[in-house]
Protein backbone atom coordinates (compact mmCIF):
# COMPACT_ATOMS: atom_id res chain seq x y z
CA MET A 1 1.98 -13.62 -22.24
CA GLY A 2 1.00 -10.34 -20.69
CA ARG A 3 -2.41 -9.34 -19.49
CA GLN A 4 -3.98 -6.48 -17.59
CA SER A 5 -5.90 -7.18 -14.44
CA PRO A 6 -6.93 -3.90 -12.83
CA LEU A 7 -9.48 -4.00 -10.03
CA THR A 8 -11.63 -1.05 -9.04
CA VAL A 9 -13.76 -0.97 -5.89
CA SER A 10 -15.96 1.98 -4.91
CA PHE A 11 -17.90 2.45 -1.69
CA GLY A 12 -19.13 5.18 0.64
CA THR A 13 -21.55 8.04 0.21
CA ALA A 14 -20.99 10.84 -2.28
CA SER A 15 -19.46 12.97 0.48
CA GLN A 16 -17.30 10.08 1.73
CA ALA A 17 -16.29 8.52 -1.57
CA LEU A 18 -13.44 6.07 -1.46
CA ARG A 19 -12.18 4.42 -4.61
CA VAL A 20 -9.45 1.84 -4.77
CA THR A 21 -7.81 0.96 -8.05
CA ALA A 22 -5.33 -1.88 -7.98
CA GLY A 23 -3.04 -3.75 -10.28
CA LEU A 24 -0.47 -6.49 -10.01
CA ARG A 25 2.81 -6.39 -11.89
CA THR A 26 5.02 -9.46 -11.89
CA LEU A 27 8.42 -9.24 -13.52
CA PRO A 28 10.02 -12.24 -15.27
CA ASP A 29 11.60 -14.67 -12.82
CA LYS A 30 15.35 -14.51 -12.19
CA ASN A 31 15.90 -17.60 -14.33
CA ASN A 32 14.52 -15.70 -17.34
CA ARG A 33 12.11 -18.46 -18.31
CA PRO A 34 10.59 -17.60 -21.71
CA ASP A 35 7.12 -18.64 -20.52
CA ALA A 36 7.10 -16.36 -17.46
CA ASP A 37 4.00 -14.16 -17.39
CA ILE A 38 4.36 -10.42 -17.27
CA GLU A 39 1.30 -8.70 -15.88
CA LEU A 40 1.02 -4.95 -16.08
CA ALA A 41 -1.64 -2.64 -14.74
CA GLN A 42 -1.79 1.11 -14.67
CA ILE A 43 -2.30 2.89 -11.39
CA ALA A 44 -5.65 4.72 -11.37
CA GLY A 45 -5.75 7.12 -14.27
CA ASN A 46 -2.10 6.66 -15.27
CA VAL A 47 -0.78 8.26 -12.09
CA THR A 48 2.99 8.42 -12.06
CA LEU A 49 4.38 7.31 -8.71
CA ASP A 50 6.27 10.34 -7.39
CA VAL A 51 7.81 8.60 -4.35
CA ILE A 52 7.69 10.67 -1.15
CA ALA A 53 8.50 7.87 1.31
CA GLU A 54 9.93 4.37 1.20
CA ARG A 55 10.37 1.58 3.74
CA ARG A 56 12.35 -1.64 3.34
CA LEU A 57 11.28 -4.74 5.21
CA GLU A 58 12.35 -8.37 5.23
CA LEU A 59 9.99 -11.31 4.77
CA ARG A 60 11.26 -14.41 6.54
CA ALA A 61 9.69 -17.71 5.52
CA ASN A 62 11.26 -21.09 6.36
CA ASP A 63 14.97 -20.60 5.65
CA ASN A 64 14.40 -17.95 2.97
CA SER A 65 14.45 -14.18 3.12
CA THR A 66 12.79 -11.81 0.63
CA GLU A 67 13.18 -8.05 0.47
CA VAL A 68 9.89 -6.16 0.73
CA VAL A 69 9.85 -2.54 -0.44
CA VAL A 70 6.96 -0.14 0.21
CA LYS A 71 6.84 3.07 -1.85
CA LEU A 72 4.31 5.79 -1.07
CA GLY A 73 3.54 8.34 -3.78
CA ARG A 74 2.62 12.01 -3.61
CA PRO A 75 -1.17 12.59 -3.51
CA VAL A 76 -2.51 14.00 -6.78
CA PRO A 77 -5.89 15.44 -7.81
CA ASP A 78 -8.40 12.91 -9.15
CA ASP A 79 -10.43 14.95 -11.64
CA ASP A 80 -12.82 12.04 -12.29
CA LEU A 81 -13.97 12.02 -8.66
CA GLY A 82 -13.35 15.65 -7.78
CA ALA A 83 -11.13 14.32 -5.00
CA TRP A 84 -7.49 13.29 -4.46
CA LYS A 85 -5.70 9.97 -4.83
CA CYS A 86 -2.50 8.69 -3.30
CA PRO A 87 -0.68 5.87 -5.11
CA TYR A 88 1.67 3.31 -3.61
CA GLU A 89 3.58 0.18 -4.52
CA VAL A 90 4.37 -2.89 -2.45
CA TRP A 91 7.18 -5.09 -3.76
CA PHE A 92 7.63 -8.64 -2.46
CA GLY A 93 10.84 -9.51 -4.29
CA ASP A 94 10.05 -9.12 -8.00
CA SER A 95 6.27 -9.05 -7.53
CA CYS A 96 4.69 -5.59 -7.33
CA ARG A 97 1.19 -4.58 -6.31
CA GLN A 98 0.15 -1.02 -7.18
CA MET A 99 -2.79 0.84 -5.70
CA ALA A 100 -4.18 4.36 -5.55
CA ILE A 101 -6.50 5.29 -2.68
CA SER A 102 -8.85 8.26 -3.03
CA GLY A 103 -9.96 10.72 -0.37
CA GLU A 104 -11.81 14.01 -0.08
CA ASP A 105 -8.53 15.92 0.15
CA SER A 106 -4.82 15.12 -0.16
CA MET A 107 -4.45 14.46 3.59
CA GLN A 108 -7.27 11.90 3.68
CA ALA A 109 -5.93 10.17 0.57
CA LEU A 110 -2.49 9.97 2.22
CA GLN A 111 -3.91 8.69 5.52
CA LEU A 112 -6.04 6.05 3.82
CA SER A 113 -3.10 4.89 1.72
CA ILE A 114 -0.90 4.45 4.78
CA ALA A 115 -3.68 2.59 6.61
CA THR A 116 -4.25 0.34 3.59
CA LEU A 117 -0.55 -0.54 3.47
CA ASP A 118 -0.95 -2.52 6.72
CA MET A 119 -3.54 -4.76 5.06
CA GLU A 120 -1.40 -5.13 1.95
CA LEU A 121 1.66 -6.15 3.96
CA ARG A 122 -0.27 -8.53 6.21
CA PHE A 123 -1.95 -10.17 3.21
CA GLY A 124 1.33 -10.47 1.29
CA ALA A 125 3.20 -12.00 4.22
CA ASN A 126 0.39 -14.47 5.00
CA ARG A 127 0.09 -15.45 1.34
CA ARG A 128 3.79 -16.27 1.28
CA GLY A 129 3.74 -18.02 4.67
CA GLY A 130 6.21 -15.65 6.30
CA VAL A 131 6.73 -12.98 8.93
CA LEU A 132 7.77 -9.39 8.21
CA TYR A 133 10.73 -7.77 9.97
CA HIS A 134 11.93 -4.16 10.12
CA LEU A 135 15.39 -3.43 11.51
CA ASP A 136 15.57 -7.08 12.66
CA GLU A 137 12.42 -6.73 14.82
CA PRO A 138 8.99 -8.22 14.00
CA PHE A 139 6.97 -5.68 12.02
CA ASN A 140 3.34 -5.09 13.04
CA SER A 141 2.01 -1.92 11.48
CA MET A 142 2.98 1.18 9.53
CA LEU A 143 1.10 3.36 12.03
CA GLU A 144 1.47 1.38 15.24
CA ASP A 145 5.25 1.21 14.97
CA SER A 146 5.51 4.91 14.15
CA GLY A 147 4.40 6.15 17.55
CA LEU A 148 2.03 8.54 15.75
CA GLN A 149 -1.17 7.08 17.14
CA VAL A 150 -2.42 8.79 20.29
CA LYS A 151 -4.34 6.46 22.56
CA THR A 152 -6.20 7.62 25.63
CA ALA A 153 -8.09 5.56 28.16
CA PRO A 154 -11.88 5.98 28.10
CA GLY A 155 -12.91 9.01 30.14
CA SER A 156 -9.38 10.41 30.28
CA ALA A 157 -9.53 12.73 27.28
CA PRO A 158 -7.97 16.13 28.02
CA LYS A 159 -10.42 18.90 28.83
CA ALA A 160 -10.57 22.10 26.78
CA GLY A 161 -7.79 24.46 27.77
CA GLU A 162 -5.50 21.76 29.19
């Protein structure tokens, strides 16, 4: 019993187009039940996930632990939009959600994909009633935990030439 369930959402102006194409892939359960559904969806335009980064997390719920794997793909041109798209996968155990986020250039597609991963992880953990951990510490955000965000207090921005 397999079925495709891709979802495409588009918003923004022509110069700020953002398209999200998603799919959910669930592999047969570990007990190999014959009635287990297999759902497959292609990432936007049959993009092959050329993994450029991966992070492993742990989902703790009740007394159970599930491995969560995030795979970020290399941005590729999106000829349909005249833009770029950056695919990724989020695995909660055997369940995989695939997405490709589009941006004006490869950098924007990459940035938007990383930002979207936070929502994906938060949604997945909440849906399963658990808390995510990375290196045995509670996990909050792909960007926040990276130290890459620069935050300045209002009115304290550096002046030109400083």
